[in-house]
């Protein structure tokens, strides 16, 4: 995430720039604003985080925009600058060019020109980040690249033999077993905790220290962010107990040092280094096929294959659950959900899709009772759920949100908001913007947008987009229209843009959503 500072002596511009662009879509955050150059310099001196982009007016009291840029250049050579001006003057433009500005934009601001400028700057900033990362991490990146290609079967035998010597990795062993370690993310992350990437780096450090005295164990982080251990044995004797002890030690050390739980899976034992991808694939498949059991036991694919799957289909009285929701019996509904998952757990080895089918059915029964339901709240978290406890919590939380919505008084909006919401519901297939509505309502678009944000808790564009996406979901589930036809039906002229917005909102593509429902109903 890159930071932006906005400097302008016009309050309307300061506030307007916050809402005219979806900054987060570009990986940007407005870190602050200032009403003149001196105030901007004071902000930069006292602010700990680096500012990557400065958007500034030229004509301001105390310190002009050009003078501000000159002073910043003396202590920050990497910051990018965009100049705003109420009128075009060649001398200002010439001076700005000599200072290396990215663009000179006239007021009133052309939003498309500003967006295009921002997009180009972000592309350069991201490229610089990548180059800086590679400069510092070349050796580690090379090692990880080779190991990832090895476990995924994407490296030639001769190349692997050569690279293994360069990286001091022994391939002269009798057998290999791959174990995968996944960090369990909680529902709500604690403030001030490490970023997930930093946490995995710490897990890597702990694992390397824990296996240091245990012969040939190759440790690295794979492309999915999981910790991978390739355990090589000099003899073919079965020694699973020793491996379990080693993995349990890693698990305990991570819990002790980081306070985090990890999920460990073990793949099959293979007898040549060329067969390592088979062991890796089996270890990773356990994450896809199963949810984590309480207590975080280590799951071994060989042991799992010997267990008999429960063949009886669990019968769930969804009609009784629907009646509990309609009657508003929150406590009884939550108890029903808990008992349902307890029955699932009692069935023995239950696959992830079995659990998901039940969870999705319960949440959809609730969500379909809402007037403008947000299905992204159902599907998005599923991608981050690893345990049965997390899934249970997610279902109960989703259902409770529905019960909260059903208990709200619907007619609490102001007349202006009621009109805007009504216009969206009637004309969502057409072009809709604050500009068009402001003309009908005889109000300034920026002020109208601020009113909408304050009362509705989100921007007008977000509301329109979410409304259209919800309509699209209904069409996906209730009709056989093609995705392109649905896009046009709900007001998206560009099918590719509709696809991106849908996946961003729902967490899955339109086709994936439709297929999930087909499987769930089968």
Protein backbone atom coordinates (compact mmCIF):
# COMPACT_ATOMS: atom_id res chain seq x y z
CA UNK A 1 0.00 0.00 0.00
CA UNK A 2 1.45 3.37 -1.07
CA UNK A 3 0.68 6.69 0.68
CA UNK A 4 -0.67 9.95 -0.74
CA UNK A 5 -0.59 13.50 0.68
CA UNK A 6 -3.03 16.08 -0.74
CA UNK A 7 -2.25 19.78 -0.42
CA UNK A 8 -4.75 22.48 -1.43
CA UNK A 9 -6.13 25.63 0.19
CA UNK A 10 -9.65 24.85 -1.07
CA UNK A 11 -11.51 22.62 1.44
CA UNK A 12 -13.87 21.39 -1.29
CA UNK A 13 -10.93 20.07 -3.32
CA UNK A 14 -9.41 18.38 -0.27
CA UNK A 15 -12.64 16.56 0.53
CA UNK A 16 -13.59 15.94 -3.08
CA UNK A 17 -10.33 14.22 -3.99
CA UNK A 18 -10.95 11.66 -1.26
CA UNK A 19 -14.10 10.41 -2.96
CA UNK A 20 -13.66 10.94 -6.70
CA UNK A 21 -11.30 7.96 -7.02
CA UNK A 22 -11.40 4.52 -5.41
CA UNK A 23 -7.83 4.88 -4.13
CA UNK A 24 -7.66 1.42 -2.57
CA UNK A 25 -8.29 -0.16 -5.98
CA UNK A 26 -4.90 1.23 -7.00
CA UNK A 27 -3.18 0.08 -3.81
CA UNK A 28 -3.14 3.65 -2.46
CA UNK A 29 -4.09 5.25 0.84
CA UNK A 30 -4.62 8.93 1.59
CA UNK A 31 -2.28 9.35 4.54
CA UNK A 32 -3.06 13.01 5.15
CA UNK A 33 -3.97 16.42 3.80
CA UNK A 34 -2.74 19.98 4.25
CA UNK A 35 -4.15 23.40 3.39
CA UNK A 36 -0.80 25.01 2.48
CA UNK A 37 2.85 24.21 1.76
CA UNK A 38 4.14 24.92 5.25
CA UNK A 39 1.54 22.65 6.79
CA UNK A 40 2.51 19.94 4.29
CA UNK A 41 6.21 20.21 5.25
CA UNK A 42 5.34 19.97 8.92
CA UNK A 43 3.26 16.85 8.20
CA UNK A 44 6.16 15.24 6.33
CA UNK A 45 8.62 16.01 9.15
CA UNK A 46 6.36 14.54 11.85
CA UNK A 47 4.94 11.61 9.87
CA UNK A 48 6.70 8.28 10.30
CA UNK A 49 5.42 6.62 7.13
CA UNK A 50 6.90 7.61 3.76
CA UNK A 51 4.73 9.56 1.37
CA UNK A 52 4.94 8.19 -2.17
CA UNK A 53 2.74 10.64 -4.08
CA UNK A 54 2.08 14.35 -3.43
CA UNK A 55 -0.90 16.04 -5.10
CA UNK A 56 -0.60 19.80 -4.68
CA UNK A 57 -2.13 23.05 -5.85
CA UNK A 58 0.30 25.65 -7.24
CA UNK A 59 -1.07 28.91 -5.87
CA UNK A 60 -1.29 28.71 -2.09
CA UNK A 61 -0.50 31.13 0.76
CA UNK A 62 2.84 30.95 2.62
CA UNK A 63 4.43 28.46 0.22
CA UNK A 64 3.51 27.72 -3.42
CA UNK A 65 3.24 24.21 -4.78
CA UNK A 66 6.47 24.60 -6.77
CA UNK A 67 8.35 25.90 -3.73
CA UNK A 68 6.99 22.99 -1.70
CA UNK A 69 8.23 20.48 -4.28
CA UNK A 70 11.67 22.15 -4.36
CA UNK A 71 12.04 21.80 -0.60
CA UNK A 72 10.82 18.18 -0.59
CA UNK A 73 13.35 17.32 -3.32
CA UNK A 74 16.14 18.28 -0.94
CA UNK A 75 15.31 15.42 1.45
CA UNK A 76 13.18 12.97 -0.59
CA UNK A 77 14.22 12.16 -4.13
CA UNK A 78 11.72 9.31 -4.63
CA UNK A 79 8.40 11.10 -4.06
CA UNK A 80 6.16 11.59 -7.11
CA UNK A 81 4.33 14.87 -7.73
CA UNK A 82 1.07 15.86 -9.42
CA UNK A 83 0.33 19.58 -9.77
CA UNK A 84 -3.18 21.07 -9.82
CA UNK A 85 -3.90 24.55 -11.14
CA UNK A 86 -6.94 26.71 -11.75
CA UNK A 87 -5.42 28.17 -14.90
CA UNK A 88 -2.75 27.21 -17.42
CA UNK A 89 0.50 29.19 -17.38
CA UNK A 90 3.46 28.15 -19.48
CA UNK A 91 6.00 29.33 -16.90
CA UNK A 92 4.40 27.21 -14.15
CA UNK A 93 4.26 24.19 -16.45
CA UNK A 94 7.89 24.69 -17.50
CA UNK A 95 9.03 25.03 -13.88
CA UNK A 96 7.07 21.93 -12.90
CA UNK A 97 8.62 19.90 -15.70
CA UNK A 98 12.10 20.92 -14.54
CA UNK A 99 11.23 19.55 -11.09
CA UNK A 100 10.19 16.20 -12.54
CA UNK A 101 6.42 16.31 -11.93
CA UNK A 102 4.29 13.45 -13.23
CA UNK A 103 1.47 15.61 -14.60
CA UNK A 104 0.03 19.14 -14.62
CA UNK A 105 -3.77 18.91 -14.28
CA UNK A 106 -6.11 21.86 -14.71
CA UNK A 107 -9.12 22.51 -12.51
CA UNK A 108 -11.90 21.47 -12.65
CA UNK A 109 -10.11 18.16 -12.45
CA UNK A 110 -10.53 15.68 -15.30
CA UNK A 111 -11.09 12.45 -13.36
CA UNK A 112 -10.01 10.17 -16.21
CA UNK A 113 -6.77 12.09 -16.64
CA UNK A 114 -6.09 11.90 -12.90
CA UNK A 115 -6.87 8.17 -12.82
CA UNK A 116 -4.57 7.56 -15.80
CA UNK A 117 -1.76 9.50 -14.12
CA UNK A 118 -2.23 7.62 -10.85
CA UNK A 119 -2.27 4.26 -12.64
CA UNK A 120 1.04 5.03 -14.38
CA UNK A 121 2.70 6.19 -11.15
CA UNK A 122 1.54 3.10 -9.25
CA UNK A 123 2.87 0.83 -11.99
CA UNK A 124 6.31 2.46 -11.67
CA UNK A 125 6.21 2.29 -7.85
CA UNK A 126 5.27 -1.39 -7.91
CA UNK A 127 8.05 -2.17 -10.35
CA UNK A 128 10.55 -0.38 -8.12
CA UNK A 129 9.32 -2.43 -5.14
CA UNK A 130 9.85 -5.63 -7.10
CA UNK A 131 13.33 -4.62 -8.20
CA UNK A 132 14.30 -3.66 -4.66
CA UNK A 133 13.03 -6.98 -3.34
CA UNK A 134 14.98 -8.96 -5.91
CA UNK A 135 18.14 -7.01 -5.19
CA UNK A 136 17.97 -8.00 -1.50
CA UNK A 137 16.62 -11.51 -1.86
CA UNK A 138 18.21 -12.89 -5.02
CA UNK A 139 19.84 -15.91 -3.38
CA UNK A 140 16.76 -16.85 -1.33
CA UNK A 141 14.52 -16.34 -4.34
CA UNK A 142 16.73 -18.60 -6.45
CA UNK A 143 16.62 -21.32 -3.78
CA UNK A 144 12.85 -21.05 -3.35
CA UNK A 145 12.34 -21.05 -7.10
CA UNK A 146 14.34 -24.26 -7.55
CA UNK A 147 12.62 -26.00 -4.62
CA UNK A 148 9.16 -24.94 -5.78
CA UNK A 149 9.91 -26.23 -9.27
CA UNK A 150 11.16 -29.48 -7.76
CA UNK A 151 8.07 -30.23 -5.65
CA UNK A 152 5.70 -29.24 -8.47
CA UNK A 153 7.57 -31.36 -11.05
CA UNK A 154 8.56 -28.40 -13.21
CA UNK A 155 12.32 -28.91 -13.38
CA UNK A 156 14.43 -31.19 -15.54
CA UNK A 157 16.39 -33.94 -13.76
CA UNK A 158 19.77 -32.75 -14.99
CA UNK A 159 19.02 -29.14 -14.08
CA UNK A 160 17.92 -30.19 -10.59
CA UNK A 161 21.11 -32.21 -10.08
CA UNK A 162 23.20 -29.22 -11.13
CA UNK A 163 21.23 -26.69 -9.04
CA UNK A 164 21.30 -28.95 -5.98
CA UNK A 165 25.10 -28.74 -5.94
CA UNK A 166 25.01 -24.95 -6.21
CA UNK A 167 22.48 -24.75 -3.35
CA UNK A 168 24.19 -27.50 -1.29
CA UNK A 169 21.13 -29.75 -1.31
CA UNK A 170 21.68 -33.50 -1.10
CA UNK A 171 19.63 -35.69 -3.42
CA UNK A 172 21.59 -38.88 -2.65
CA UNK A 173 19.06 -40.37 -0.22
CA UNK A 174 17.03 -43.58 -0.09
CA UNK A 175 13.60 -42.03 0.45
CA UNK A 176 11.80 -38.69 0.70
CA UNK A 177 8.65 -37.56 2.52
CA UNK A 178 7.10 -34.11 2.21
CA UNK A 179 5.33 -32.39 5.11
CA UNK A 180 3.40 -29.14 4.69
CA UNK A 181 2.77 -26.62 7.46
CA UNK A 182 -0.02 -24.04 7.16
CA UNK A 183 -0.50 -21.15 9.55
CA UNK A 184 -4.03 -21.03 10.99
CA UNK A 185 -5.46 -17.51 10.64
CA UNK A 186 -7.99 -16.41 13.22
CA UNK A 187 -11.31 -14.61 12.71
CA UNK A 188 -9.99 -11.28 13.93
CA UNK A 189 -6.32 -10.44 13.88
CA UNK A 190 -4.84 -8.73 16.91
CA UNK A 191 -3.71 -5.12 16.53
CA UNK A 192 0.00 -4.69 16.04
CA UNK A 193 0.64 -8.30 15.07
CA UNK A 194 3.02 -9.27 12.29
CA UNK A 195 1.93 -9.33 8.66
CA UNK A 196 1.14 -12.89 7.42
CA UNK A 197 4.29 -12.88 5.26
CA UNK A 198 6.38 -11.88 8.27
CA UNK A 199 4.71 -14.57 10.37
CA UNK A 200 5.61 -17.21 7.79
CA UNK A 201 9.20 -15.95 7.73
CA UNK A 202 9.25 -16.41 11.51
CA UNK A 203 7.77 -19.90 11.12
CA UNK A 204 10.53 -20.65 8.59
CA UNK A 205 13.19 -19.50 11.07
CA UNK A 206 11.72 -21.62 13.87
CA UNK A 207 11.45 -24.70 11.64
CA UNK A 208 15.05 -24.38 10.43
CA UNK A 209 16.25 -24.14 14.04
CA UNK A 210 14.08 -27.07 15.15
CA UNK A 211 15.33 -29.49 12.46
CA UNK A 212 18.98 -28.35 12.50
CA UNK A 213 20.17 -31.52 14.23
CA UNK A 214 17.91 -33.92 12.39
CA UNK A 215 19.90 -34.88 9.27
CA UNK A 216 18.69 -33.87 5.83
CA UNK A 217 15.55 -31.74 6.10
CA UNK A 218 15.03 -29.11 3.41
CA UNK A 219 12.81 -26.21 4.52
CA UNK A 220 11.26 -23.53 2.30
CA UNK A 221 8.07 -21.53 1.71
CA UNK A 222 6.03 -22.58 -1.32
CA UNK A 223 4.07 -20.42 -3.76
CA UNK A 224 0.90 -20.67 -1.65
CA UNK A 225 2.69 -19.36 1.44
CA UNK A 226 2.87 -22.71 3.22
CA UNK A 227 5.99 -24.00 4.93
CA UNK A 228 7.31 -27.16 3.25
CA UNK A 229 9.70 -29.71 4.75
CA UNK A 230 11.30 -32.33 2.49
CA UNK A 231 12.49 -35.02 4.88
CA UNK A 232 15.20 -37.19 3.33
CA UNK A 233 16.21 -40.55 4.84
CA UNK A 234 19.49 -42.37 4.30
CA UNK A 235 17.78 -45.76 4.78
CA UNK A 236 14.42 -47.13 3.72
CA UNK A 237 13.43 -48.21 7.24
CA UNK A 238 10.03 -46.88 8.29
CA UNK A 239 10.62 -44.15 10.87
CA UNK A 240 7.35 -42.22 11.06
CA UNK A 241 7.53 -41.83 14.84
CA UNK A 242 10.74 -39.82 14.64
CA UNK A 243 9.23 -37.62 11.94
CA UNK A 244 6.10 -37.05 14.03
CA UNK A 245 8.24 -35.99 17.01
CA UNK A 246 10.14 -33.53 14.82
CA UNK A 247 6.96 -32.00 13.37
CA UNK A 248 5.31 -31.80 16.80
CA UNK A 249 8.37 -29.97 18.07
CA UNK A 250 8.07 -27.44 15.21
CA UNK A 251 4.36 -27.08 16.00
CA UNK A 252 5.04 -26.49 19.71
CA UNK A 253 7.87 -24.01 19.07
CA UNK A 254 5.68 -21.94 16.73
CA UNK A 255 2.90 -21.89 19.32
CA UNK A 256 5.37 -20.97 22.07
CA UNK A 257 7.15 -18.17 20.18
CA UNK A 258 4.36 -16.76 18.03
CA UNK A 259 1.20 -17.84 19.85
CA UNK A 260 -0.11 -19.28 16.56
CA UNK A 261 -1.48 -22.70 15.67
CA UNK A 262 -0.37 -24.54 12.56
CA UNK A 263 -1.91 -27.33 10.54
CA UNK A 264 0.58 -30.04 9.50
CA UNK A 265 0.02 -32.65 6.80
CA UNK A 266 2.31 -35.49 5.69
CA UNK A 267 2.47 -36.85 2.15
CA UNK A 268 3.49 -40.29 0.96
CA UNK A 269 6.97 -41.78 1.28
CA UNK A 270 8.73 -41.85 -2.10
CA UNK A 271 11.98 -43.61 -2.99
CA UNK A 272 13.60 -41.31 -5.56
CA UNK A 273 14.00 -37.55 -5.66
CA UNK A 274 12.06 -37.49 -8.96
CA UNK A 275 8.98 -38.76 -7.08
CA UNK A 276 9.02 -35.96 -4.47
CA UNK A 277 6.24 -34.08 -6.38
CA UNK A 278 3.90 -37.01 -5.67
CA UNK A 279 4.47 -36.72 -1.92
CA UNK A 280 4.07 -32.92 -2.06
CA UNK A 281 0.83 -33.17 -4.04
CA UNK A 282 -0.67 -35.61 -1.55
CA UNK A 283 0.33 -33.49 1.45
CA UNK A 284 -1.18 -30.37 -0.10
CA UNK A 285 -4.33 -32.16 -1.23
CA UNK A 286 -5.28 -32.70 2.40
CA UNK A 287 -5.72 -28.91 2.79
CA UNK A 288 -8.11 -28.88 -0.16
CA UNK A 289 -10.09 -31.98 0.73
CA UNK A 290 -10.46 -31.58 4.50
CA UNK A 291 -11.02 -29.03 7.25
CA UNK A 292 -8.81 -29.04 10.31
CA UNK A 293 -10.03 -31.10 13.25
CA UNK A 294 -10.11 -29.74 16.82
CA UNK A 295 -6.75 -29.94 18.58
CA UNK A 296 -4.77 -29.54 15.33
CA UNK A 297 -3.54 -33.15 15.02
CA UNK A 298 -0.97 -33.95 12.34
CA UNK A 299 -2.71 -35.57 9.34
CA UNK A 300 -0.88 -38.32 7.48
CA UNK A 301 -2.15 -39.23 4.01
CA UNK A 302 -1.14 -42.89 4.50
CA UNK A 303 -3.13 -43.20 7.73
CA UNK A 304 -6.08 -41.31 6.27
CA UNK A 305 -6.28 -43.69 3.31
CA UNK A 306 -6.78 -46.59 5.73
CA UNK A 307 -9.81 -44.97 7.38
CA UNK A 308 -13.29 -45.80 6.12
CA UNK A 309 -15.42 -42.86 5.04
CA UNK A 310 -18.84 -42.54 6.67
CA UNK A 311 -21.29 -43.47 3.93
CA UNK A 312 -24.55 -42.44 5.59
CA UNK A 313 -25.81 -39.05 4.48
CA UNK A 314 -26.51 -36.72 7.37
CA UNK A 315 -30.15 -35.67 7.39
CA UNK A 316 -30.64 -32.02 8.37
CA UNK A 317 -34.07 -30.48 8.98
CA UNK A 318 -33.57 -27.24 7.05
CA UNK A 319 -37.29 -26.49 7.26
CA UNK A 320 -37.09 -26.38 11.06
CA UNK A 321 -34.11 -24.04 10.80
CA UNK A 322 -36.07 -21.74 8.47
CA UNK A 323 -38.91 -21.56 10.99
CA UNK A 324 -36.48 -20.60 13.76
CA UNK A 325 -35.20 -17.71 11.65
CA UNK A 326 -38.65 -16.51 10.67
CA UNK A 327 -39.69 -16.47 14.30
CA UNK A 328 -36.51 -14.60 15.28
CA UNK A 329 -35.32 -17.25 17.74
CA UNK A 330 -31.64 -16.31 17.72
CA UNK A 331 -30.45 -18.57 20.54
CA UNK A 332 -32.28 -21.61 19.19
CA UNK A 333 -30.95 -20.95 15.66
CA UNK A 334 -27.36 -20.79 16.92
CA UNK A 335 -27.88 -23.97 18.90
CA UNK A 336 -29.25 -25.67 15.79
CA UNK A 337 -26.10 -24.70 13.85
CA UNK A 338 -23.79 -25.92 16.62
CA UNK A 339 -25.60 -29.26 16.90
CA UNK A 340 -25.51 -29.70 13.11
CA UNK A 341 -21.72 -29.35 13.01
CA UNK A 342 -21.39 -31.61 16.03
CA UNK A 343 -23.26 -34.28 14.04
CA UNK A 344 -20.93 -33.70 11.08
CA UNK A 345 -17.90 -34.11 13.31
CA UNK A 346 -19.37 -37.32 14.70
CA UNK A 347 -19.64 -38.80 11.21
CA UNK A 348 -15.88 -39.43 11.11
CA UNK A 349 -13.84 -38.44 8.06
CA UNK A 350 -15.92 -35.73 6.43
CA UNK A 351 -14.57 -33.86 3.41
CA UNK A 352 -14.31 -30.08 3.14
CA UNK A 353 -17.04 -29.96 0.48
CA UNK A 354 -19.42 -31.89 2.77
CA UNK A 355 -18.94 -29.26 5.47
CA UNK A 356 -19.18 -26.39 2.99
CA UNK A 357 -22.42 -27.70 1.47
CA UNK A 358 -24.09 -27.72 4.88
CA UNK A 359 -22.65 -24.32 5.84
CA UNK A 360 -23.67 -22.68 2.56
CA UNK A 361 -27.20 -24.10 2.75
CA UNK A 362 -27.68 -22.72 6.28
CA UNK A 363 -26.31 -19.27 5.37
CA UNK A 364 -28.30 -19.00 2.14
CA UNK A 365 -31.53 -19.84 3.91
CA UNK A 366 -30.83 -16.82 6.10
CA UNK A 367 -29.45 -14.48 3.41
CA UNK A 368 -32.39 -15.06 1.09
CA UNK A 369 -34.61 -13.51 3.76
CA UNK A 370 -32.82 -10.17 3.43
CA UNK A 371 -34.12 -7.56 1.00
CA UNK A 372 -30.73 -6.65 -0.50
CA UNK A 373 -28.56 -9.51 0.68
CA UNK A 374 -24.79 -9.41 0.37
CA UNK A 375 -23.66 -12.87 -0.69
CA UNK A 376 -19.99 -11.85 -0.56
CA UNK A 377 -20.31 -12.08 3.24
CA UNK A 378 -21.17 -15.77 2.74
CA UNK A 379 -18.51 -16.78 0.23
CA UNK A 380 -15.47 -14.51 0.76
CA UNK A 381 -14.49 -15.88 4.21
CA UNK A 382 -14.66 -19.49 2.99
CA UNK A 383 -11.33 -18.95 1.21
CA UNK A 384 -9.66 -18.20 4.56
CA UNK A 385 -11.32 -20.92 6.65
CA UNK A 386 -9.18 -23.90 7.67
CA UNK A 387 -10.94 -25.39 10.71
CA UNK A 388 -14.35 -26.72 11.63
CA UNK A 389 -14.48 -24.21 14.51
CA UNK A 390 -13.89 -21.34 12.09
CA UNK A 391 -16.63 -22.58 9.77
CA UNK A 392 -19.08 -22.90 12.66
CA UNK A 393 -18.23 -19.38 13.82
CA UNK A 394 -18.66 -18.01 10.29
CA UNK A 395 -22.10 -19.60 9.85
CA UNK A 396 -23.34 -18.34 13.22
CA UNK A 397 -21.96 -14.85 12.55
CA UNK A 398 -23.57 -14.71 9.11
CA UNK A 399 -26.94 -15.88 10.43
CA UNK A 400 -26.81 -13.42 13.34
CA UNK A 401 -26.14 -10.56 10.91
CA UNK A 402 -29.24 -11.58 8.98
CA UNK A 403 -31.31 -11.63 12.16
CA UNK A 404 -29.97 -8.16 12.99
CA UNK A 405 -30.99 -6.91 9.54
CA UNK A 406 -34.47 -8.38 9.83
CA UNK A 407 -34.97 -6.61 13.16
CA UNK A 408 -34.05 -3.15 11.85
CA UNK A 409 -36.71 -0.55 11.12
CA UNK A 410 -36.60 -0.17 7.34
CA UNK A 411 -37.84 3.42 7.00
CA UNK A 412 -35.09 5.37 8.80
CA UNK A 413 -33.55 7.13 5.80
CA UNK A 414 -33.79 10.83 5.10
CA UNK A 415 -35.94 11.95 2.12
CA UNK A 416 -32.83 12.58 -0.03
CA UNK A 417 -31.43 9.12 0.67
CA UNK A 418 -34.79 7.44 0.09
CA UNK A 419 -34.94 9.14 -3.31
CA UNK A 420 -31.39 8.05 -4.23
CA UNK A 421 -31.94 4.46 -3.11
CA UNK A 422 -35.21 4.37 -5.02
CA UNK A 423 -33.49 5.66 -8.15
CA UNK A 424 -30.89 2.92 -7.91
CA UNK A 425 -33.51 0.19 -7.54
CA UNK A 426 -35.44 1.51 -10.57
CA UNK A 427 -32.58 2.50 -12.88
CA UNK A 428 -29.63 0.26 -11.97
CA UNK A 429 -29.54 -1.00 -15.59
CA UNK A 430 -28.81 2.54 -16.79
CA UNK A 431 -25.92 4.96 -16.32
CA UNK A 432 -26.01 6.14 -12.70
CA UNK A 433 -23.70 8.64 -11.06
CA UNK A 434 -23.71 11.38 -8.45
CA UNK A 435 -23.50 13.88 -11.30
CA UNK A 436 -26.73 12.69 -12.95
CA UNK A 437 -28.62 12.47 -9.65
CA UNK A 438 -27.31 15.81 -8.41
CA UNK A 439 -28.77 17.51 -11.50
CA UNK A 440 -32.17 16.00 -10.77
CA UNK A 441 -31.94 16.95 -7.09
CA UNK A 442 -30.39 20.38 -7.71
CA UNK A 443 -27.46 19.67 -5.36
CA UNK A 444 -23.68 19.76 -5.77
CA UNK A 445 -22.40 16.22 -6.60
CA UNK A 446 -19.54 16.34 -4.08
CA UNK A 447 -21.83 17.46 -1.26
CA UNK A 448 -24.42 14.88 -2.25
CA UNK A 449 -21.73 12.18 -2.19
CA UNK A 450 -20.65 13.25 1.28
CA UNK A 451 -24.26 13.08 2.53
CA UNK A 452 -24.67 9.60 1.07
CA UNK A 453 -21.40 8.37 2.61
CA UNK A 454 -22.35 9.75 6.02
CA UNK A 455 -25.87 8.30 6.11
CA UNK A 456 -25.33 5.02 4.23
CA UNK A 457 -21.84 4.21 5.51
CA UNK A 458 -20.37 3.69 2.03
CA UNK A 459 -19.86 5.63 -1.19
CA UNK A 460 -22.60 5.96 -3.77
CA UNK A 461 -20.54 4.11 -6.39
CA UNK A 462 -19.99 1.22 -3.94
CA UNK A 463 -23.72 1.06 -3.25
CA UNK A 464 -24.64 1.01 -6.95
CA UNK A 465 -21.99 -1.58 -7.72
CA UNK A 466 -23.08 -3.83 -4.85
CA UNK A 467 -26.75 -3.51 -5.87
CA UNK A 468 -25.90 -4.57 -9.42
CA UNK A 469 -23.76 -7.48 -8.23
CA UNK A 470 -26.62 -8.73 -6.02
CA UNK A 471 -28.99 -8.60 -8.99
CA UNK A 472 -26.42 -10.49 -11.04
CA UNK A 473 -26.20 -13.20 -8.37
CA UNK A 474 -29.95 -13.69 -8.45
CA UNK A 475 -29.88 -14.06 -12.25
CA UNK A 476 -26.97 -16.52 -12.04
CA UNK A 477 -28.87 -18.73 -9.61
CA UNK A 478 -32.37 -18.40 -11.03
CA UNK A 479 -31.82 -18.25 -14.83
CA UNK A 480 -29.72 -19.86 -17.54
CA UNK A 481 -28.54 -16.53 -19.00
CA UNK A 482 -24.91 -16.37 -20.09
CA UNK A 483 -22.51 -14.28 -18.03
CA UNK A 484 -22.24 -11.64 -20.78
CA UNK A 485 -26.03 -11.39 -20.96
CA UNK A 486 -26.27 -10.98 -17.19
CA UNK A 487 -23.61 -8.26 -17.25
CA UNK A 488 -25.67 -6.24 -19.74
CA UNK A 489 -28.88 -6.94 -17.84
CA UNK A 490 -27.57 -5.35 -14.63
CA UNK A 491 -25.93 -2.32 -16.24
CA UNK A 492 -22.35 -3.34 -17.11
CA UNK A 493 -21.44 -2.49 -20.69
CA UNK A 494 -18.02 -4.16 -20.38
CA UNK A 495 -18.28 -7.91 -19.52
CA UNK A 496 -14.62 -8.02 -18.45
CA UNK A 497 -15.18 -5.19 -15.95
CA UNK A 498 -18.30 -6.96 -14.67
CA UNK A 499 -16.25 -10.16 -14.16
CA UNK A 500 -13.60 -8.29 -12.13
CA UNK A 501 -16.16 -6.48 -9.99
CA UNK A 502 -18.14 -9.67 -9.35
CA UNK A 503 -15.07 -11.64 -8.28
CA UNK A 504 -13.91 -8.74 -6.10
CA UNK A 505 -17.31 -8.62 -4.37
CA UNK A 506 -18.13 -12.34 -4.11
CA UNK A 507 -14.62 -13.75 -3.85
CA UNK A 508 -15.36 -16.19 -6.69
CA UNK A 509 -16.19 -15.82 -10.38
CA UNK A 510 -19.79 -15.91 -11.73
CA UNK A 511 -19.19 -19.37 -13.21
CA UNK A 512 -17.76 -20.69 -9.93
CA UNK A 513 -20.78 -19.39 -8.01
CA UNK A 514 -23.20 -21.06 -10.41
CA UNK A 515 -21.26 -24.35 -10.27
CA UNK A 516 -21.19 -24.30 -6.45
CA UNK A 517 -24.98 -24.05 -6.40
CA UNK A 518 -25.34 -26.83 -8.92
CA UNK A 519 -23.16 -29.12 -6.77
CA UNK A 520 -24.96 -28.10 -3.61
CA UNK A 521 -28.37 -28.82 -5.14
CA UNK A 522 -27.26 -32.13 -6.72
